[in-house]
Amino acid sequence: MRRYRFVQADVFTEMIFGGNPVAVFPDAEGLTDQEMQKIAREMNLSETAFVLPPTDKRADVRVRFFTPNTELPFAGHPSIGTHIVLAAENRYEISGPVTRIFQQIGVGILAVDLITDGSGKTDRAVMTQGEARHGAVYEDRKQLAKALGLGEKDIHPDLPAQVYSTGLPGLIIPISSLEAIQRIHLNVSLFNEICRGMSVTGAEVFTLETLDKAHHVHVRNFDPLVGVFEDPATGSSAGALGAYLLAKGCFEFEHESSTTHMVMEQGYEIDRPSLIEVEVDIKEGAVSEVRVGGQVVIVMEGELMLS
């Protein structure tokens, strides 16, 4: 009998049962690709993370991410959760208020900063994401509204539905109001058809109206193509949305080289309230770097037994 220990954590939240859960297998060496996929399906979370020795000397660890249906080359909340779990298990030498480590994932080597507070607790992390890229615009507002179970007037009149990526491409869909985003009722077959046509796994749907006036964006994320109907907190898409919002002029930056901070609220419609912190650097008037961070709560641990 082979035994593999796992730790489950809630990411982008300060309290248990909030945020987005991730199962982390800190010692996944020996598992096959097929076993990792079956384990992710058994865990039945939006993602399960498997930690392996790096194959690139620049990295501290290698991490693979699986949804219940497929492997992803890049994932936000599992990256944040994985490295807080590893820090809690003393896998890293924590030095000072910020300790930078490097993870090897499907899209390359990316930095993750572990944040330690004055009491010595490391429960926050900030990940640097890949280069911000934009793709095609989806022009058919009537079909888009139908896929979301909304009226055409509920789609924001001045912003495009467009593919953006900081590692994992997704369709960003602007909604005109908080009331409209709260009554989304997916036509799953049509929604999946649109996503396939745009070569994305899902969509980040947002409005600039928020539940809490201290926050900047209200978000819902849908990925039924990969087995995640609605995601409570989506770090990969949050970074892409941050780049989109700056590129489309939704937030003004004071200087040609500056950093814009924003807080995104997500998961409230499915009783998993989450807060995602996004920083977007502007250099010479263009997006140069995107970082996404948040807090993590470790929830449980267990052991999986394989014959």
Protein backbone atom coordinates (compact mmCIF):
# COMPACT_ATOMS: atom_id res chain seq x y z
CA MET A 1 0.00 0.00 0.00
CA ARG A 2 1.42 3.39 -1.03
CA ARG A 3 0.47 6.32 1.19
CA TYR A 4 0.46 9.98 0.16
CA ARG A 5 -0.20 12.72 2.68
CA PHE A 6 -2.22 15.78 1.69
CA VAL A 7 -3.05 19.14 3.29
CA GLN A 8 -6.14 21.15 2.38
CA ALA A 9 -6.16 24.93 2.64
CA ASP A 10 -8.64 27.73 1.95
CA VAL A 11 -7.06 30.44 -0.21
CA PHE A 12 -7.91 34.15 -0.49
CA THR A 13 -9.64 34.23 2.87
CA GLU A 14 -8.91 34.94 6.53
CA MET A 15 -11.38 32.34 7.82
CA ILE A 16 -12.15 28.66 7.37
CA PHE A 17 -14.89 27.80 4.86
CA GLY A 18 -14.21 30.96 2.85
CA GLY A 19 -12.04 31.42 -0.22
CA ASN A 20 -11.14 28.62 -2.62
CA PRO A 21 -10.01 25.25 -1.24
CA VAL A 22 -6.99 23.45 -2.64
CA ALA A 23 -5.61 20.02 -1.76
CA VAL A 24 -1.81 19.95 -1.71
CA PHE A 25 0.21 16.74 -1.91
CA PRO A 26 3.62 17.89 -0.59
CA ASP A 27 5.46 14.69 -1.60
CA ALA A 28 3.92 13.55 -4.88
CA GLU A 29 6.98 11.86 -6.35
CA GLY A 30 6.04 8.38 -7.58
CA LEU A 31 2.53 9.26 -8.71
CA THR A 32 1.79 8.77 -12.40
CA ASP A 33 -0.04 11.32 -14.54
CA GLN A 34 -3.10 9.08 -14.54
CA GLU A 35 -3.01 8.73 -10.75
CA MET A 36 -2.74 12.49 -10.27
CA GLN A 37 -5.79 12.99 -12.48
CA LYS A 38 -7.78 10.32 -10.61
CA ILE A 39 -6.79 11.82 -7.26
CA ALA A 40 -7.91 15.28 -8.39
CA ARG A 41 -11.24 13.79 -9.44
CA GLU A 42 -11.51 12.07 -6.05
CA MET A 43 -10.72 15.29 -4.15
CA ASN A 44 -13.36 17.03 -6.34
CA LEU A 45 -11.99 20.54 -5.75
CA SER A 46 -11.43 23.12 -8.46
CA GLU A 47 -7.71 22.22 -8.35
CA THR A 48 -5.39 19.79 -6.60
CA ALA A 49 -1.65 20.54 -6.47
CA PHE A 50 1.15 17.98 -6.59
CA VAL A 51 4.63 19.00 -5.39
CA LEU A 52 7.63 17.39 -7.06
CA PRO A 53 11.40 17.92 -7.20
CA PRO A 54 12.29 20.58 -9.79
CA THR A 55 13.86 19.61 -13.10
CA ASP A 56 15.14 23.17 -13.58
CA LYS A 57 17.93 24.30 -11.24
CA ARG A 58 16.47 27.81 -11.06
CA ALA A 59 13.38 26.52 -9.21
CA ASP A 60 12.90 25.53 -5.57
CA VAL A 61 10.03 23.14 -6.33
CA ARG A 62 7.96 21.90 -9.26
CA VAL A 63 4.16 21.98 -8.97
CA ARG A 64 1.53 20.38 -11.19
CA PHE A 65 -2.13 21.46 -11.07
CA PHE A 66 -5.13 19.26 -11.92
CA THR A 67 -8.83 20.08 -12.06
CA PRO A 68 -11.23 17.11 -11.81
CA ASN A 69 -11.05 16.84 -15.62
CA THR A 70 -7.63 18.01 -16.80
CA GLU A 71 -4.15 19.34 -16.01
CA LEU A 72 -3.56 23.09 -16.12
CA PRO A 73 -0.21 24.73 -16.97
CA PHE A 74 -0.87 27.60 -14.57
CA ALA A 75 -3.14 28.19 -11.58
CA GLY A 76 -3.49 31.07 -9.13
CA HIS A 77 -5.05 30.01 -5.84
CA PRO A 78 -3.26 26.60 -5.87
CA SER A 79 0.08 28.41 -6.24
CA ILE A 80 -0.68 30.65 -3.26
CA GLY A 81 -2.01 27.77 -1.15
CA THR A 82 0.75 25.31 -2.04
CA HIS A 83 3.61 27.51 -0.91
CA ILE A 84 1.93 28.56 2.35
CA VAL A 85 1.42 24.85 3.10
CA LEU A 86 5.08 24.14 2.31
CA ALA A 87 6.18 27.08 4.47
CA ALA A 88 4.08 25.74 7.38
CA GLU A 89 5.91 22.42 6.98
CA ASN A 90 9.30 24.17 7.15
CA ARG A 91 10.19 23.30 3.56
CA TYR A 92 11.60 26.80 3.05
CA GLU A 93 14.10 28.86 4.99
CA ILE A 94 12.00 31.88 5.94
CA SER A 95 14.10 35.03 6.27
CA GLY A 96 12.63 38.43 7.10
CA PRO A 97 9.18 39.77 6.22
CA VAL A 98 9.40 38.61 2.57
CA THR A 99 10.92 35.34 1.38
CA ARG A 100 11.04 34.81 -2.38
CA ILE A 101 10.90 31.29 -3.80
CA PHE A 102 10.60 30.10 -7.40
CA GLN A 103 8.15 27.51 -8.65
CA GLN A 104 8.50 25.48 -11.83
CA ILE A 105 5.08 25.08 -13.44
CA GLY A 106 3.72 24.41 -16.92
CA VAL A 107 4.26 27.96 -18.17
CA GLY A 108 7.81 28.27 -16.81
CA ILE A 109 9.56 29.56 -13.69
CA LEU A 110 7.59 32.11 -11.68
CA ALA A 111 8.34 33.88 -8.40
CA VAL A 112 6.21 33.60 -5.28
CA ASP A 113 6.78 35.89 -2.28
CA LEU A 114 5.94 34.48 1.16
CA ILE A 115 4.84 37.20 3.58
CA THR A 116 5.65 36.85 7.29
CA ASP A 117 3.95 39.12 9.83
CA GLY A 118 5.42 40.58 13.02
CA SER A 119 4.48 37.50 15.05
CA GLY A 120 6.43 35.23 12.73
CA LYS A 121 3.37 33.74 11.02
CA THR A 122 3.60 33.12 7.27
CA ASP A 123 0.03 32.98 5.98
CA ARG A 124 0.07 35.28 2.95
CA ALA A 125 1.70 34.94 -0.43
CA VAL A 126 2.01 36.99 -3.61
CA MET A 127 2.73 35.33 -6.94
CA THR A 128 4.21 37.01 -9.99
CA GLN A 129 2.23 35.99 -13.06
CA GLY A 130 3.23 35.59 -16.67
CA GLU A 131 3.29 38.28 -19.34
CA ALA A 132 -0.09 39.96 -19.87
CA ARG A 133 -1.42 39.16 -23.33
CA HIS A 134 -4.70 40.04 -25.03
CA GLY A 135 -6.53 38.05 -27.66
CA ALA A 136 -9.69 38.09 -29.72
CA VAL A 137 -12.85 40.08 -28.94
CA TYR A 138 -16.18 38.24 -28.85
CA GLU A 139 -18.54 40.44 -30.83
CA ASP A 140 -21.96 38.77 -30.52
CA ARG A 141 -23.44 40.47 -27.46
CA LYS A 142 -26.83 38.80 -27.96
CA GLN A 143 -25.34 35.29 -27.82
CA LEU A 144 -23.13 36.26 -24.89
CA ALA A 145 -26.12 37.51 -22.91
CA LYS A 146 -28.09 34.37 -23.77
CA ALA A 147 -25.21 32.16 -22.56
CA LEU A 148 -25.28 33.98 -19.20
CA GLY A 149 -29.07 33.97 -18.90
CA LEU A 150 -29.13 37.78 -19.07
CA GLY A 151 -30.49 40.48 -21.34
CA GLU A 152 -28.30 42.20 -23.91
CA LYS A 153 -28.53 45.45 -21.92
CA ASP A 154 -26.83 43.68 -18.98
CA ILE A 155 -23.57 43.41 -20.94
CA HIS A 156 -21.48 46.55 -20.34
CA PRO A 157 -22.01 48.87 -23.33
CA ASP A 158 -18.54 50.43 -23.39
CA LEU A 159 -16.19 47.53 -22.64
CA PRO A 160 -15.41 44.52 -24.87
CA ALA A 161 -15.69 40.83 -24.05
CA GLN A 162 -12.11 39.83 -24.80
CA VAL A 163 -9.61 37.05 -24.21
CA TYR A 164 -6.83 38.00 -21.78
CA SER A 165 -4.08 35.95 -20.18
CA THR A 166 -1.27 36.13 -17.62
CA GLY A 167 -0.62 32.41 -18.02
CA LEU A 168 -4.02 30.81 -18.68
CA PRO A 169 -6.23 32.44 -21.33
CA GLY A 170 -9.80 33.24 -20.36
CA LEU A 171 -12.66 35.28 -21.77
CA ILE A 172 -13.26 38.46 -19.75
CA ILE A 173 -16.91 39.54 -19.82
CA PRO A 174 -17.95 43.00 -18.50
CA ILE A 175 -21.39 43.28 -16.86
CA SER A 176 -23.20 46.57 -16.35
CA SER A 177 -24.33 46.14 -12.72
CA LEU A 178 -24.03 44.14 -9.52
CA GLU A 179 -27.71 43.22 -9.75
CA ALA A 180 -27.18 41.72 -13.21
CA ILE A 181 -24.10 39.68 -12.30
CA GLN A 182 -25.93 38.23 -9.30
CA ARG A 183 -28.72 36.78 -11.46
CA ILE A 184 -26.51 34.99 -13.98
CA HIS A 185 -27.96 31.59 -14.87
CA LEU A 186 -25.68 29.78 -17.29
CA ASN A 187 -26.86 28.16 -20.47
CA VAL A 188 -24.01 25.68 -20.12
CA SER A 189 -24.06 24.23 -23.63
CA LEU A 190 -24.02 27.68 -25.27
CA PHE A 191 -21.46 29.01 -22.78
CA ASN A 192 -19.15 26.06 -23.50
CA GLU A 193 -19.65 26.54 -27.24
CA ILE A 194 -18.51 30.17 -26.93
CA CYS A 195 -15.50 29.19 -24.82
CA ARG A 196 -14.44 26.50 -27.28
CA GLY A 197 -14.79 28.97 -30.14
CA MET A 198 -12.53 31.43 -28.30
CA SER A 199 -10.03 28.66 -27.35
CA VAL A 200 -10.43 29.25 -23.60
CA THR A 201 -11.43 27.00 -20.70
CA GLY A 202 -13.80 29.52 -19.10
CA ALA A 203 -14.73 33.12 -18.42
CA GLU A 204 -14.10 35.81 -15.82
CA VAL A 205 -17.32 37.82 -15.50
CA PHE A 206 -17.05 41.14 -13.65
CA THR A 207 -18.73 44.39 -12.72
CA LEU A 208 -17.25 47.57 -11.30
CA GLU A 209 -20.12 47.74 -8.78
CA THR A 210 -19.15 45.99 -5.53
CA LEU A 211 -20.79 44.70 -2.37
CA ASP A 212 -18.17 46.46 -0.25
CA LYS A 213 -17.26 50.01 -1.29
CA ALA A 214 -13.69 49.39 -0.14
CA HIS A 215 -13.29 46.84 -2.94
CA HIS A 216 -12.82 47.64 -6.62
CA VAL A 217 -14.30 44.79 -8.66
CA HIS A 218 -16.98 42.11 -8.16
CA VAL A 219 -16.21 38.86 -9.99
CA ARG A 220 -17.74 35.51 -10.88
CA ASN A 221 -15.76 32.84 -12.72
CA PHE A 222 -17.19 29.89 -14.67
CA ASP A 223 -15.19 26.94 -16.06
CA PRO A 224 -17.60 24.04 -16.74
CA LEU A 225 -15.41 22.81 -19.60
CA VAL A 226 -12.79 21.65 -17.06
CA GLY A 227 -15.22 20.43 -14.43
CA VAL A 228 -15.51 23.65 -12.38
CA PHE A 229 -19.00 25.10 -12.76
CA GLU A 230 -18.31 28.22 -10.65
CA ASP A 231 -14.97 28.93 -9.00
CA PRO A 232 -14.95 30.71 -5.59
CA ALA A 233 -11.66 32.58 -6.22
CA THR A 234 -9.60 32.51 -9.40
CA GLY A 235 -6.09 33.92 -9.02
CA SER A 236 -5.02 33.27 -12.61
CA SER A 237 -8.03 35.11 -14.03
CA ALA A 238 -7.76 37.90 -11.45
CA GLY A 239 -4.33 38.79 -12.81
CA ALA A 240 -5.60 38.80 -16.38
CA LEU A 241 -8.57 40.94 -15.33
CA GLY A 242 -6.24 43.40 -13.60
CA ALA A 243 -4.28 43.82 -16.83
CA TYR A 244 -7.53 44.21 -18.81
CA LEU A 245 -8.87 46.90 -16.45
CA LEU A 246 -5.72 48.99 -16.77
CA ALA A 247 -5.51 48.51 -20.53
CA LYS A 248 -9.17 49.56 -20.98
CA GLY A 249 -8.83 52.66 -18.81
CA CYS A 250 -11.14 51.45 -16.01
CA PHE A 251 -8.51 52.60 -13.52
CA GLU A 252 -6.33 55.62 -14.08
CA PHE A 253 -2.63 55.48 -13.35
CA GLU A 254 -0.91 58.67 -12.29
CA HIS A 255 2.41 58.22 -14.07
CA GLU A 256 3.74 56.41 -17.12
CA SER A 257 5.54 54.13 -14.65
CA SER A 258 3.44 53.27 -11.60
CA THR A 259 1.69 50.47 -9.69
CA THR A 260 -2.09 50.14 -9.35
CA HIS A 261 -3.50 48.15 -6.41
CA MET A 262 -6.99 46.66 -6.48
CA VAL A 263 -9.05 44.26 -4.37
CA MET A 264 -11.42 41.87 -6.13
CA GLU A 265 -14.35 40.23 -4.33
CA GLN A 266 -15.50 36.82 -5.56
CA GLY A 267 -17.41 33.76 -4.40
CA TYR A 268 -20.20 35.57 -2.57
CA GLU A 269 -22.95 34.04 -4.73
CA ILE A 270 -21.84 30.52 -3.73
CA ASP A 271 -21.19 31.26 -0.04
CA ARG A 272 -17.38 31.18 -0.35
CA PRO A 273 -16.46 34.87 0.11
CA SER A 274 -12.98 35.60 -1.20
CA LEU A 275 -10.72 38.64 -1.47
CA ILE A 276 -8.01 38.69 -4.12
CA GLU A 277 -5.33 41.40 -4.08
CA VAL A 278 -3.98 42.40 -7.49
CA GLU A 279 -1.06 44.70 -8.34
CA VAL A 280 -0.43 45.83 -11.90
CA ASP A 281 2.81 47.60 -12.79
CA ILE A 282 2.75 50.10 -15.64
CA LYS A 283 6.00 50.94 -17.38
CA GLU A 284 6.13 53.48 -20.19
CA GLY A 285 2.35 53.39 -20.41
CA ALA A 286 1.97 49.61 -20.81
CA VAL A 287 1.38 46.70 -18.41
CA SER A 288 4.79 45.32 -17.42
CA GLU A 289 4.09 42.96 -14.50
CA VAL A 290 1.07 41.52 -12.68
CA ARG A 291 1.07 40.11 -9.16
CA VAL A 292 -1.75 38.36 -7.30
CA GLY A 293 -1.85 37.65 -3.58
CA GLY A 294 -3.93 36.83 -0.57
CA GLN A 295 -4.25 35.06 2.73
CA VAL A 296 -4.42 31.32 3.36
CA VAL A 297 -6.01 29.23 6.14
CA ILE A 298 -4.90 25.61 6.55
CA VAL A 299 -8.02 23.52 7.14
CA MET A 300 -7.24 19.81 7.32
CA GLU A 301 -4.77 17.06 6.51
CA GLY A 302 -5.11 13.41 5.65
CA GLU A 303 -3.61 10.44 3.88
CA LEU A 304 -4.53 8.85 0.58
CA MET A 305 -3.84 5.13 0.18
CA LEU A 306 -3.07 3.54 -3.18
CA SER A 307 -2.50 -0.13 -3.83
